[in-house]
Protein backbone atom coordinates (compact mmCIF):
# COMPACT_ATOMS: atom_id res chain seq x y z
CA UNK A 1 37.58 -5.45 123.76
CA UNK A 2 37.58 -9.23 123.63
CA UNK A 3 38.52 -10.89 120.36
CA UNK A 4 38.57 -14.23 122.13
CA UNK A 5 37.87 -17.86 121.29
CA UNK A 6 34.12 -17.34 121.78
CA UNK A 7 34.03 -14.56 119.16
CA UNK A 8 36.11 -16.77 116.84
CA UNK A 9 33.54 -19.57 117.32
CA UNK A 10 30.79 -17.18 116.23
CA UNK A 11 32.79 -16.05 113.18
CA UNK A 12 33.56 -19.65 112.19
CA UNK A 13 29.89 -20.60 112.43
CA UNK A 14 28.92 -17.69 110.15
CA UNK A 15 31.68 -18.54 107.70
CA UNK A 16 30.63 -22.22 107.59
CA UNK A 17 27.03 -21.18 106.92
CA UNK A 18 27.80 -18.67 104.19
CA UNK A 19 31.09 -19.71 102.59
CA UNK A 20 31.29 -23.51 102.56
CA UNK A 21 30.54 -24.70 99.02
CA UNK A 22 31.35 -21.31 97.57
CA UNK A 23 34.09 -20.53 95.08
CA UNK A 24 36.80 -17.90 95.32
CA UNK A 25 36.39 -15.12 92.73
CA UNK A 26 39.04 -12.63 93.77
CA UNK A 27 42.00 -12.31 96.17
CA UNK A 28 43.36 -8.86 97.07
CA UNK A 29 46.04 -7.63 99.44
CA UNK A 30 45.24 -3.93 100.05
CA UNK A 31 47.73 -3.55 102.91
CA UNK A 32 50.93 -5.31 103.95
CA UNK A 33 49.18 -7.55 106.49
CA UNK A 34 45.64 -7.66 105.01
CA UNK A 35 43.68 -9.89 102.66
CA UNK A 36 40.24 -9.50 101.11
CA UNK A 37 38.89 -12.71 99.58
CA UNK A 38 35.71 -12.48 97.51
CA UNK A 39 33.70 -15.71 97.55
CA UNK A 40 30.63 -16.56 95.45
CA UNK A 41 28.11 -18.94 97.00
CA UNK A 42 24.35 -18.31 97.09
CA UNK A 43 25.38 -14.70 97.44
CA UNK A 44 28.70 -12.87 97.10
CA UNK A 45 30.76 -12.29 100.26
CA UNK A 46 33.97 -10.44 101.11
CA UNK A 47 36.11 -12.06 103.76
CA UNK A 48 38.34 -9.47 105.41
CA UNK A 49 41.44 -10.79 107.18
CA UNK A 50 44.04 -8.66 108.95
CA UNK A 51 47.19 -9.89 110.68
CA UNK A 52 48.15 -6.37 111.75
CA UNK A 53 49.91 -6.56 115.11
CA UNK A 54 47.82 -3.75 116.61
CA UNK A 55 44.45 -4.78 115.15
CA UNK A 56 44.14 -8.40 113.95
CA UNK A 57 40.68 -9.17 112.53
CA UNK A 58 38.63 -11.63 110.51
CA UNK A 59 35.01 -11.04 109.50
CA UNK A 60 32.64 -10.86 106.53
CA UNK A 61 32.85 -7.27 105.35
CA UNK A 62 30.27 -5.18 103.52
CA UNK A 63 32.74 -2.51 102.39
CA UNK A 64 35.29 -2.39 99.57
CA UNK A 65 38.92 -1.36 99.80
CA UNK A 66 41.30 -0.24 97.07
CA UNK A 67 44.05 -2.73 96.24
CA UNK A 68 47.46 -1.86 94.76
CA UNK A 69 47.90 -2.15 90.99
CA UNK A 70 50.78 -4.59 91.47
CA UNK A 71 49.84 -7.38 93.87
CA UNK A 72 52.37 -8.35 96.60
CA UNK A 73 54.10 -11.75 96.37
CA UNK A 74 51.89 -13.49 98.95
CA UNK A 75 48.76 -12.38 97.12
CA UNK A 76 50.17 -13.60 93.79
CA UNK A 77 51.00 -16.98 95.36
CA UNK A 78 47.44 -17.39 96.66
CA UNK A 79 46.00 -16.45 93.27
CA UNK A 80 48.20 -19.06 91.63
CA UNK A 81 47.08 -21.91 93.90
CA UNK A 82 43.57 -21.05 95.09
CA UNK A 83 42.41 -18.25 92.77
CA UNK A 84 39.34 -20.33 91.83
CA UNK A 85 39.31 -22.82 94.74
CA UNK A 86 36.17 -24.07 96.44
CA UNK A 87 35.67 -23.65 100.21
CA UNK A 88 35.31 -27.16 101.64
CA UNK A 89 35.29 -26.43 105.36
CA UNK A 90 35.90 -23.79 108.01
CA UNK A 91 36.76 -24.75 111.59
CA UNK A 92 38.37 -23.62 114.83
CA UNK A 93 40.93 -26.04 116.33
CA UNK A 94 40.71 -26.52 120.09
CA UNK A 95 38.84 -23.29 120.90
CA UNK A 96 42.00 -21.38 119.93
CA UNK A 97 41.95 -17.96 118.28
CA UNK A 98 42.63 -19.68 114.98
CA UNK A 99 40.43 -20.01 111.88
CA UNK A 100 41.22 -22.73 109.34
CA UNK A 101 39.74 -22.54 105.83
CA UNK A 102 40.05 -25.80 103.93
CA UNK A 103 40.16 -25.20 100.17
CA UNK A 104 39.89 -27.57 97.22
CA UNK A 105 41.45 -26.79 93.83
CA UNK A 106 42.88 -28.42 90.72
CA UNK A 107 46.64 -28.59 90.27
CA UNK A 108 48.51 -28.18 87.00
CA UNK A 109 47.80 -31.82 86.12
CA UNK A 110 44.07 -31.43 86.76
CA UNK A 111 44.14 -33.45 89.97
CA UNK A 112 42.08 -32.40 92.97
CA UNK A 113 44.24 -30.97 95.77
CA UNK A 114 43.52 -29.44 99.15
CA UNK A 115 45.17 -26.48 100.85
CA UNK A 116 44.58 -24.69 104.14
CA UNK A 117 44.53 -20.97 104.73
CA UNK A 118 45.06 -20.47 108.46
CA UNK A 119 44.37 -17.15 110.22
CA UNK A 120 45.88 -16.71 113.68
CA UNK A 121 44.40 -13.87 115.76
CA UNK A 122 47.10 -13.63 118.41
CA UNK A 123 47.94 -9.97 118.95
CA UNK A 124 51.44 -9.10 117.78
CA UNK A 125 51.96 -12.73 116.79
CA UNK A 126 48.97 -12.73 114.39
CA UNK A 127 49.59 -14.22 110.96
CA UNK A 128 47.98 -15.60 107.80
CA UNK A 129 49.61 -18.90 106.87
CA UNK A 130 49.10 -20.92 103.68
CA UNK A 131 49.70 -24.67 104.14
CA UNK A 132 49.42 -28.02 102.40
CA UNK A 133 49.17 -31.52 103.80
CA UNK A 134 52.45 -33.42 104.12
CA UNK A 135 53.19 -36.99 105.12
CA UNK A 136 51.79 -38.50 108.35
CA UNK A 137 48.94 -35.97 108.44
CA UNK A 138 51.26 -33.06 109.16
CA UNK A 139 50.97 -29.60 107.61
CA UNK A 140 53.78 -27.93 105.68
CA UNK A 141 53.95 -24.15 105.30
CA UNK A 142 53.93 -22.98 101.67
CA UNK A 143 54.17 -19.31 102.64
CA UNK A 144 52.82 -16.75 105.11
CA UNK A 145 51.96 -13.07 105.04
CA UNK A 146 54.59 -12.53 107.80
CA UNK A 147 57.79 -14.56 108.00
CA UNK A 148 59.01 -15.46 111.48
CA UNK A 149 62.59 -16.73 111.80
CA UNK A 150 64.26 -18.43 114.75
CA UNK A 151 65.93 -15.11 115.55
CA UNK A 152 62.46 -13.58 116.02
CA UNK A 153 60.83 -16.47 117.90
CA UNK A 154 62.26 -19.35 119.89
CA UNK A 155 58.87 -21.09 119.95
CA UNK A 156 58.12 -21.53 116.26
CA UNK A 157 59.47 -20.62 112.85
CA UNK A 158 56.93 -19.55 110.24
CA UNK A 159 58.84 -19.97 106.98
CA UNK A 160 58.21 -21.80 103.68
CA UNK A 161 58.91 -25.52 104.03
CA UNK A 162 58.64 -25.62 107.83
CA UNK A 163 56.06 -27.76 109.63
CA UNK A 164 52.98 -25.90 110.82
CA UNK A 165 51.67 -26.27 114.36
CA UNK A 166 49.74 -24.11 116.82
CA UNK A 167 51.96 -22.95 119.68
CA UNK A 168 50.71 -24.02 123.11
CA UNK A 169 49.35 -21.38 125.50
CA UNK A 170 51.04 -22.63 128.64
CA UNK A 171 48.92 -25.23 130.42
CA UNK A 172 45.55 -23.90 129.27
CA UNK A 173 42.71 -26.40 128.81
CA UNK A 174 40.23 -26.69 125.95
CA UNK A 175 36.91 -25.67 127.64
CA UNK A 176 34.82 -27.71 125.19
CA UNK A 177 36.20 -30.98 126.59
CA UNK A 178 36.34 -30.29 130.32
CA UNK A 179 34.15 -31.98 132.97
CA UNK A 180 32.78 -30.99 136.38
CA UNK A 181 35.48 -32.76 138.39
CA UNK A 182 38.28 -31.26 136.34
CA UNK A 183 36.73 -27.76 136.49
CA UNK A 184 36.36 -27.87 140.29
CA UNK A 185 39.92 -29.12 140.71
CA UNK A 186 41.53 -26.52 138.44
CA UNK A 187 39.51 -23.46 139.44
CA UNK A 188 39.45 -24.35 143.14
CA UNK A 189 43.21 -24.86 143.15
CA UNK A 190 44.13 -21.63 141.35
CA UNK A 191 45.87 -19.31 143.86
CA UNK A 192 44.29 -16.00 142.82
CA UNK A 193 41.00 -14.23 142.08
CA UNK A 194 38.10 -16.16 140.60
CA UNK A 195 38.01 -14.02 137.45
CA UNK A 196 41.70 -14.60 136.73
CA UNK A 197 41.36 -18.31 137.47
CA UNK A 198 38.85 -18.81 134.64
CA UNK A 199 40.67 -16.98 131.82
CA UNK A 200 44.10 -18.25 132.88
CA UNK A 201 42.87 -21.86 132.98
CA UNK A 202 40.72 -22.15 129.85
CA UNK A 203 41.62 -21.44 126.23
CA UNK A 204 39.48 -18.87 124.43
CA UNK A 205 38.18 -17.13 127.55
CA UNK A 206 38.99 -13.41 127.80
CA UNK A 207 38.79 -11.39 131.05
CA UNK A 208 35.48 -9.97 129.75
CA UNK A 209 33.84 -13.38 129.28
CA UNK A 210 35.38 -14.68 132.48
CA UNK A 211 33.71 -11.81 134.34
CA UNK A 212 30.44 -12.44 132.46
CA UNK A 213 30.45 -16.07 133.57
CA UNK A 214 31.06 -15.10 137.19
CA UNK A 215 28.29 -12.44 137.13
CA UNK A 216 25.87 -15.02 135.75
CA UNK A 217 26.79 -17.32 138.62
CA UNK A 218 26.18 -14.50 141.12
CA UNK A 219 29.77 -14.30 142.40
CA UNK A 220 32.31 -11.49 142.73
CA UNK A 221 35.24 -11.82 140.33
CA UNK A 222 37.67 -10.48 142.95
CA UNK A 223 36.86 -13.31 145.37
CA UNK A 224 39.82 -15.60 146.01
CA UNK A 225 39.14 -19.13 144.73
CA UNK A 226 40.21 -20.59 148.08
CA UNK A 227 37.16 -18.94 149.68
CA UNK A 228 34.72 -20.95 147.53
CA UNK A 229 33.25 -24.22 148.76
CA UNK A 230 32.91 -27.25 146.52
CA UNK A 231 29.17 -26.61 146.13
CA UNK A 232 29.87 -23.05 145.00
CA UNK A 233 32.41 -24.30 142.45
CA UNK A 234 29.89 -26.86 141.16
CA UNK A 235 27.33 -24.05 140.81
CA UNK A 236 29.90 -22.03 138.82
CA UNK A 237 30.61 -25.05 136.62
CA UNK A 238 26.91 -25.39 135.76
CA UNK A 239 26.84 -21.78 134.52
CA UNK A 240 30.08 -22.52 132.66
CA UNK A 241 28.53 -25.61 131.08
CA UNK A 242 25.43 -23.58 130.07
CA UNK A 243 27.66 -20.97 128.43
CA UNK A 244 29.62 -23.64 126.53
CA UNK A 245 26.34 -25.25 125.42
CA UNK A 246 25.18 -21.89 124.03
CA UNK A 247 28.38 -21.79 121.97
CA UNK A 248 28.09 -25.41 120.77
CA UNK A 249 24.45 -24.86 119.76
CA UNK A 250 25.30 -21.63 117.96
CA UNK A 251 23.02 -19.56 120.19
CA UNK A 252 25.10 -16.43 119.80
CA UNK A 253 23.91 -12.91 120.69
CA UNK A 254 26.36 -10.50 118.96
CA UNK A 255 26.34 -7.14 120.73
CA UNK A 256 28.26 -3.95 121.47
CA UNK A 257 28.27 -2.15 124.81
CA UNK A 258 28.19 1.64 124.34
CA UNK A 259 28.90 4.30 126.95
CA UNK A 260 26.82 7.49 126.76
CA UNK A 261 26.71 10.61 128.90
CA UNK A 262 22.94 10.80 128.60
CA UNK A 263 20.12 8.43 129.43
CA UNK A 264 19.49 7.49 125.79
CA UNK A 265 16.97 4.73 125.14
CA UNK A 266 16.74 4.69 121.36
CA UNK A 267 19.22 2.21 119.82
CA UNK A 268 20.05 4.45 116.85
CA UNK A 269 20.73 7.43 119.12
CA UNK A 270 22.98 5.30 121.32
CA UNK A 271 24.94 4.12 118.27
CA UNK A 272 25.40 7.72 117.07
CA UNK A 273 26.13 9.37 120.41
CA UNK A 274 27.79 6.54 122.34
CA UNK A 275 31.40 5.40 122.56
CA UNK A 276 31.89 1.64 121.96
CA UNK A 277 33.43 0.07 125.05
CA UNK A 278 33.18 -3.72 124.58
CA UNK A 279 31.75 -6.26 122.16
CA UNK A 280 30.83 -9.91 122.53
CA UNK A 281 29.18 -12.89 120.85
CA UNK A 282 27.16 -13.69 123.98
CA UNK A 283 24.76 -11.56 125.97
CA UNK A 284 26.58 -9.13 128.29
CA UNK A 285 24.53 -9.21 131.49
CA UNK A 286 27.49 -7.77 133.41
CA UNK A 287 26.73 -4.28 131.99
CA UNK A 288 22.97 -4.32 132.62
CA UNK A 289 23.01 -2.07 135.70
CA UNK A 290 26.19 -0.11 134.94
CA UNK A 291 25.44 3.67 134.74
CA UNK A 292 25.70 5.10 131.23
CA UNK A 293 26.18 1.64 129.66
CA UNK A 294 23.88 0.33 126.93
CA UNK A 295 24.17 -3.08 125.24
CA UNK A 296 22.90 -3.06 121.64
CA UNK A 297 22.28 -6.30 119.72
CA UNK A 298 23.31 -6.86 116.09
CA UNK A 299 22.37 -9.35 113.38
CA UNK A 300 25.83 -10.90 113.10
CA UNK A 301 29.27 -10.81 114.67
CA UNK A 302 30.64 -9.41 111.40
CA UNK A 303 28.30 -6.42 111.74
CA UNK A 304 29.53 -6.00 115.30
CA UNK A 305 33.22 -6.07 114.35
CA UNK A 306 32.76 -3.76 111.38
CA UNK A 307 30.75 -1.23 113.41
CA UNK A 308 32.92 -1.47 116.55
CA UNK A 309 36.28 -1.06 114.87
CA UNK A 310 35.05 1.53 112.36
CA UNK A 311 33.89 3.79 115.21
CA UNK A 312 36.80 2.88 117.46
CA UNK A 313 39.25 3.65 114.65
CA UNK A 314 37.70 7.07 114.08
CA UNK A 315 38.05 7.91 117.78
CA UNK A 316 41.59 6.49 117.99
CA UNK A 317 42.77 8.21 114.78
CA UNK A 318 41.36 11.57 115.86
CA UNK A 319 43.02 11.24 119.28
CA UNK A 320 46.34 10.33 117.70
CA UNK A 321 46.17 13.16 115.17
CA UNK A 322 45.08 15.66 117.82
CA UNK A 323 47.82 14.64 120.29
CA UNK A 324 50.33 17.16 118.91
CA UNK A 325 47.73 19.93 118.86
CA UNK A 326 46.72 19.11 122.44
CA UNK A 327 50.37 19.33 123.47
CA UNK A 328 50.72 22.74 121.81
CA UNK A 329 47.59 24.01 123.57
CA UNK A 330 48.66 22.51 126.92
CA UNK A 331 52.07 24.21 126.68
CA UNK A 332 50.43 27.52 125.73
CA UNK A 333 48.00 27.21 128.66
CA UNK A 334 50.87 26.50 131.06
CA UNK A 335 52.82 29.54 129.81
CA UNK A 336 49.76 31.77 129.98
CA UNK A 337 48.85 30.64 133.52
CA UNK A 338 52.41 31.38 134.74
CA UNK A 339 52.37 34.76 132.98
CA UNK A 340 48.97 35.59 134.49
CA UNK A 341 50.17 34.68 137.99
CA UNK A 342 53.17 37.04 137.66
CA UNK A 343 50.96 39.82 136.30
CA UNK A 344 48.47 39.45 139.16
CA UNK A 345 51.36 39.58 141.64
CA UNK A 346 52.56 42.80 139.98
CA UNK A 347 49.02 44.13 140.16
CA UNK A 348 48.81 43.32 143.86
CA UNK A 349 52.08 45.22 144.43
CA UNK A 350 50.46 48.38 143.01
CA UNK A 351 47.73 48.39 145.70
CA UNK A 352 49.86 50.80 147.80
CA UNK A 353 49.65 53.53 145.12
CA UNK A 354 46.67 55.36 146.65
CA UNK A 355 48.37 55.35 150.08
CA UNK A 356 51.49 56.97 148.58
CA UNK A 357 49.32 59.58 146.85
CA UNK A 358 47.67 60.40 150.18
CA UNK A 359 51.07 60.69 151.90
CA UNK A 360 52.20 63.08 149.20
CA UNK A 361 49.06 65.21 149.52
CA UNK A 362 49.27 65.42 153.32
CA UNK A 363 52.98 66.25 153.31
CA UNK A 364 52.38 68.96 150.70
CA UNK A 365 49.62 70.41 152.88
CA UNK A 366 51.32 70.16 156.32
CA UNK A 367 54.99 69.88 155.32
CA UNK A 368 55.86 73.53 155.96
CA UNK A 369 55.26 73.02 159.67
CA UNK A 370 57.48 69.94 159.96
CA UNK A 371 61.13 69.89 160.91
CA UNK A 372 63.91 68.34 158.84
CA UNK A 373 65.51 65.05 160.02
CA UNK A 374 62.29 63.41 161.19
CA UNK A 375 61.80 59.67 160.51
CA UNK A 376 58.00 59.85 160.78
CA UNK A 377 55.16 62.20 161.52
CA UNK A 378 51.48 62.04 162.48
CA UNK A 379 49.15 64.04 160.19
CA UNK A 380 45.40 64.46 160.09
CA UNK A 381 43.73 62.83 157.09
CA UNK A 382 41.20 65.49 156.13
CA UNK A 383 39.28 62.93 154.04
CA UNK A 384 38.36 60.80 157.08
CA UNK A 385 39.22 63.07 160.03
CA UNK A 386 41.60 60.39 161.44
CA UNK A 387 45.28 60.83 162.25
CA UNK A 388 47.72 58.66 160.29
CA UNK A 389 51.41 57.95 160.71
CA UNK A 390 53.56 58.88 157.65
CA UNK A 391 57.12 57.43 157.35
CA UNK A 392 59.82 59.96 156.32
CA UNK A 393 63.34 59.85 154.92
CA UNK A 394 65.34 61.87 157.47
CA UNK A 395 67.99 62.82 154.92
CA UNK A 396 65.60 64.93 152.85
CA UNK A 397 63.07 67.64 153.67
CA UNK A 398 59.34 66.93 154.25
CA UNK A 399 58.44 68.55 150.90
CA UNK A 400 61.08 66.43 149.13
CA UNK A 401 59.47 63.40 150.88
CA UNK A 402 56.11 64.52 149.42
CA UNK A 403 57.66 64.69 145.94
CA UNK A 404 59.16 61.22 146.44
CA UNK A 405 55.75 59.79 147.42
CA UNK A 406 54.14 61.40 144.37
CA UNK A 407 56.79 59.82 142.13
CA UNK A 408 56.13 56.38 143.71
CA UNK A 409 52.39 56.91 143.20
CA UNK A 410 52.86 57.89 139.54
CA UNK A 411 55.10 54.89 138.85
CA UNK A 412 52.68 52.42 140.48
CA UNK A 413 49.73 54.03 138.68
CA UNK A 414 51.48 53.57 135.32
CA UNK A 415 52.30 49.97 136.29
CA UNK A 416 48.69 49.34 137.38
CA UNK A 417 47.28 50.67 134.13
CA UNK A 418 49.73 48.71 131.96
CA UNK A 419 49.46 45.45 133.93
CA UNK A 420 45.65 45.68 134.11
CA UNK A 421 45.61 45.64 130.30
CA UNK A 422 48.04 42.72 130.30
CA UNK A 423 45.95 40.76 132.85
CA UNK A 424 42.82 41.25 130.78
CA UNK A 425 44.67 40.12 127.62
CA UNK A 426 46.08 37.06 129.43
CA UNK A 427 42.65 36.11 130.80
CA UNK A 428 41.16 36.41 127.31
CA UNK A 429 44.05 34.36 125.91
CA UNK A 430 43.47 31.66 128.55
CA UNK A 431 39.73 31.65 127.76
CA UNK A 432 40.56 31.31 124.05
CA UNK A 433 42.93 28.40 124.68
CA UNK A 434 40.29 26.68 126.82
CA UNK A 435 37.82 27.07 123.93
CA UNK A 436 40.37 25.39 121.62
CA UNK A 437 40.63 22.52 124.12
CA UNK A 438 36.85 22.13 124.04
CA UNK A 439 36.98 22.12 120.21
CA UNK A 440 39.62 19.37 120.27
CA UNK A 441 37.33 17.32 122.48
CA UNK A 442 34.44 17.72 120.04
CA UNK A 443 36.49 17.06 116.87
CA UNK A 444 35.43 13.94 115.00
CA UNK A 445 37.00 14.54 111.57
CA UNK A 446 40.46 15.32 110.22
CA UNK A 447 38.92 18.52 108.77
CA UNK A 448 37.94 19.60 112.29
CA UNK A 449 41.59 19.27 113.38
CA UNK A 450 42.74 21.09 110.24
CA UNK A 451 40.51 24.05 111.13
CA UNK A 452 41.81 24.11 114.72
CA UNK A 453 45.39 23.92 113.46
CA UNK A 454 44.76 26.91 111.16
CA UNK A 455 43.40 28.88 114.08
CA UNK A 456 46.50 28.12 116.19
CA UNK A 457 48.72 29.17 113.26
CA UNK A 458 46.84 32.44 112.77
CA UNK A 459 47.04 33.20 116.49
CA UNK A 460 50.79 32.55 116.48
CA UNK A 461 50.85 29.53 118.80
CA UNK A 462 52.48 27.27 116.22
CA UNK A 463 54.50 27.66 113.04
CA UNK A 464 52.87 26.87 109.73
CA UNK A 465 55.03 23.80 109.08
CA UNK A 466 53.56 22.16 112.21
CA UNK A 467 51.73 18.91 111.47
CA UNK A 468 54.05 17.69 108.72
CA UNK A 469 53.76 13.93 108.65
CA UNK A 470 50.57 13.91 110.72
CA UNK A 471 48.16 14.42 107.85
CA UNK A 472 47.38 17.96 109.00
CA UNK A 473 49.13 19.87 106.23
CA UNK A 474 51.63 22.74 106.41
CA UNK A 475 51.93 26.45 105.73
CA UNK A 476 53.75 29.67 106.59
CA UNK A 477 54.47 30.67 110.20
CA UNK A 478 51.73 32.79 111.74
CA UNK A 479 49.42 32.44 108.77
CA UNK A 480 46.97 29.68 107.93
CA UNK A 481 47.68 28.12 104.52
CA UNK A 482 45.34 29.34 101.80
CA UNK A 483 45.05 25.85 100.34
CA UNK A 484 43.40 24.72 103.57
CA UNK A 485 40.77 27.44 103.64
CA UNK A 486 38.26 25.05 102.17
CA UNK A 487 38.63 22.75 105.15
CA UNK A 488 36.47 25.14 107.18
CA UNK A 489 33.63 24.40 104.78
CA UNK A 490 34.14 20.64 104.94
CA UNK A 491 33.99 20.69 108.74
CA UNK A 492 30.30 21.35 109.36
CA UNK A 493 28.63 22.40 112.63
CA UNK A 494 26.67 19.77 114.52
CA UNK A 495 23.02 19.87 113.53
CA UNK A 496 20.22 18.75 115.86
CA UNK A 497 16.45 18.74 115.39
CA UNK A 498 13.91 18.91 118.22
CA UNK A 499 10.66 16.94 118.40
CA UNK A 500 8.90 20.22 117.52
CA UNK A 501 10.91 20.52 114.29
CA UNK A 502 13.23 23.36 115.39
CA UNK A 503 16.81 23.24 114.09
CA UNK A 504 19.73 23.71 116.48
CA UNK A 505 23.34 24.19 115.36
CA UNK A 506 26.48 23.73 117.46
CA UNK A 507 29.87 25.16 116.50
CA UNK A 508 32.63 22.53 116.73
CA UNK A 509 35.41 25.13 116.83
CA UNK A 510 35.88 28.88 117.07
CA UNK A 511 35.67 29.53 113.32
CA UNK A 512 32.36 27.69 113.20
CA UNK A 513 31.19 29.63 116.27
CA UNK A 514 31.81 32.90 114.40
CA UNK A 515 30.19 31.64 111.20
CA UNK A 516 27.13 30.34 113.05
CA UNK A 517 26.64 33.50 115.10
CA UNK A 518 27.42 36.20 112.55
CA UNK A 519 26.69 34.62 109.17
CA UNK A 520 24.20 31.79 109.54
CA UNK A 521 21.98 33.15 112.34
CA UNK A 522 19.41 35.89 111.84
CA UNK A 523 18.87 38.68 114.34
CA UNK A 524 15.72 37.00 115.69
CA UNK A 525 17.34 33.58 116.23
CA UNK A 526 18.34 32.60 119.77
CA UNK A 527 21.96 32.25 120.91
CA UNK A 528 23.11 30.07 123.84
CA UNK A 529 26.46 29.71 125.62
CA UNK A 530 27.66 28.23 128.92
CA UNK A 531 28.08 31.08 131.41
CA UNK A 532 31.72 31.98 132.18
CA UNK A 533 32.92 28.76 130.52
CA UNK A 534 34.65 27.99 127.25
CA UNK A 535 32.32 26.18 124.92
CA UNK A 536 30.36 26.06 121.67
CA UNK A 537 27.95 28.68 120.42
CA UNK A 538 24.49 27.13 120.01
CA UNK A 539 22.01 28.70 117.63
CA UNK A 540 18.29 27.95 117.48
CA UNK A 541 16.69 28.86 114.15
CA UNK A 542 13.25 30.28 114.92
CA UNK A 543 11.99 30.77 111.35
CA UNK A 544 9.85 33.55 112.79
CA UNK A 545 8.10 31.22 115.25
CA UNK A 546 7.77 31.42 119.04
CA UNK A 547 9.98 28.85 120.79
CA UNK A 548 8.31 26.46 123.28
CA UNK A 549 9.85 26.49 126.77
CA UNK A 550 11.24 22.97 126.31
CA UNK A 551 13.24 24.10 123.23
CA UNK A 552 14.94 26.80 125.33
CA UNK A 553 15.83 24.11 127.89
CA UNK A 554 17.07 21.67 125.22
CA UNK A 555 19.25 24.34 123.58
CA UNK A 556 20.69 25.38 126.96
CA UNK A 557 21.42 21.73 127.83
CA UNK A 558 23.17 21.38 124.48
CA UNK A 559 25.33 24.46 125.18
CA UNK A 560 26.23 22.99 128.59
CA UNK A 561 27.00 19.58 127.01
CA UNK A 562 29.45 21.12 124.53
CA UNK A 563 31.33 23.23 127.08
CA UNK A 564 34.28 23.00 129.42
CA UNK A 565 31.85 22.46 132.30
CA UNK A 566 30.16 19.42 130.69
CA UNK A 567 31.27 17.12 133.52
CA UNK A 568 29.13 19.05 136.01
CA UNK A 569 25.55 18.22 136.96
CA UNK A 570 24.13 21.75 136.90
CA UNK A 571 25.50 24.42 134.51
CA UNK A 572 24.48 28.09 134.15
CA UNK A 573 23.78 29.01 130.54
CA UNK A 574 23.28 32.51 129.10
CA UNK A 575 20.84 33.01 126.24
CA UNK A 576 19.66 36.00 124.21
CA UNK A 577 18.64 36.92 120.70
CA UNK A 578 21.42 36.87 118.16
CA UNK A 579 21.02 40.62 117.39
CA UNK A 580 22.32 41.43 120.90
CA UNK A 581 25.58 39.46 120.46
CA UNK A 582 28.55 41.59 119.33
CA UNK A 583 32.13 40.85 118.29
CA UNK A 584 34.76 43.44 119.28
CA UNK A 585 37.15 44.62 116.56
CA UNK A 586 40.31 42.53 116.49
CA UNK A 587 38.91 39.88 118.85
CA UNK A 588 40.10 36.31 118.53
CA UNK A 589 37.94 33.69 116.78
CA UNK A 590 34.86 32.74 118.80
CA UNK A 591 35.12 35.71 121.21
CA UNK A 592 31.93 37.78 121.63
CA UNK A 593 30.38 40.22 124.10
CA UNK A 594 26.82 40.93 125.18
CA UNK A 595 25.34 43.28 127.75
CA UNK A 596 21.82 41.95 128.27
CA UNK A 597 20.80 38.33 128.56
CA UNK A 598 18.67 35.70 130.28
CA UNK A 599 20.13 32.74 132.21
CA UNK A 600 19.00 29.29 133.25
CA UNK A 601 20.56 26.36 135.11
CA UNK A 602 20.45 23.02 133.28
CA UNK A 603 22.05 19.57 133.20
CA UNK A 604 24.36 18.94 130.21
CA UNK A 605 22.56 16.47 127.91
CA UNK A 606 21.18 15.92 124.41
CA UNK A 607 17.93 14.19 125.37
CA UNK A 608 14.97 14.72 123.03
CA UNK A 609 17.23 15.85 120.17
CA UNK A 610 17.99 14.02 116.95
CA UNK A 611 21.47 14.42 115.48
CA UNK A 612 21.28 14.98 111.71
CA UNK A 613 24.15 13.37 109.78
């Protein structure tokens, strides 16, 4: 993501257009490092500002946020000074990631005064600083949402009464005031790749926009600057100048680049199915031919930021919350794999049992004609007619050797029978854990994770108090908490509709798989599942109608898409009518059996299907 000087320029232009001349109606501080300022102009706008170290933002928001009953000190200070102030100007100094709002208000004496609310979008150094003009045109800090002492920063103190200034970013140059000669000199003399040369030389350029500039010029970003001739550098400058002119003229093209696994073409489908990768205020030609990448345009940069971070936050939050569950499952998988390897080794060791049984039979049959003290003998195997060599213990009689071989056979047979049951149980356990991993990959809501956690508790993989402090609840060991039973209802299966109007449902976890298959589906509905792979149950509701061939293919592709094998290009999928799917007594959630089915090979995709919210 690139919250760079170019994006800030776009935001400032929108703010100037919509906020200048407007009056502040409300100031809220919903979080420690956040402000929401409501401004009335021709319309009413909410300006969202965050100085959070991990996610600094500023944009015009369309959503509300609850504020605390008692306002924090910084919020109270702003209300005192600029609670009804008028927005006089909004600007960006020197192409920096800084937004300055100039505000006009009346002081206690009724005189007109001006203040500046400065937002710095600088990663962990982000801040919201409230200033007033001092002597000699300097700015004095009244207060800030984050105080920075000399012990915290050797570059600049951000404390009440201190002078305000923007810290320099090394020797970076303001790109809005550069010329051809200067550009050629600086870029041509930078001792590294062309891409790095641009964003390390000019303020406000991120690696993303540096790469975009180079792609527009037709160069490779990894090329060393020393390999470029003067004519090539001049050509690059002209593309640079065109880009800067777009920014100066306000010709912005706010967009988000989404990554999808399918060849989606519809913008709404891409927004729903895709994962946001990058955003920009200018057209992203660098992603035009990238496989699986789709650039979608938006009306404003505020829409872009709100959409991008809302979706990104959902993905990030779910990954963070699922991290502990993934670790539990990974540990359980590792233990089960090791256990299964030992069991299979034990099973292999029992392969000699039939040979020992044969030795015992032959010695019982021919043993009366053998002498004591022999170390081996050759006997005819009456099953095959061949002679075989039988080892003997010389200290015991041939018949006692036969008894010894029978005892070995009986012991190995008992071991084989017991370990065979254990191997089957371990394989089913491994399959179950893989299905939980698939469910964690599909999870999009906290309720989805809650359901998975309950399943792991019920199956004994984790104790009920697991998840305390993660927002996933708690309960008794080995038993899912009753209070969370409702979470299975909140977490709904995925619902798709085909172009023919048929409804397809996908279980997001094993509980949903069971509910879909044995409660929601009728006997005549069709059931799909990736062959010999952990994955979701997919149900097609027939409503008594005959399914077109393409619906079978779409449902099979959906089952492949929501399976462990989704990364493959061709996946085998089993399908049959729901009435032929059975669940064994005592089986784990999501486990079923069937003895007759059809199969087809498909590519995992969701093409031609509409996801219903």
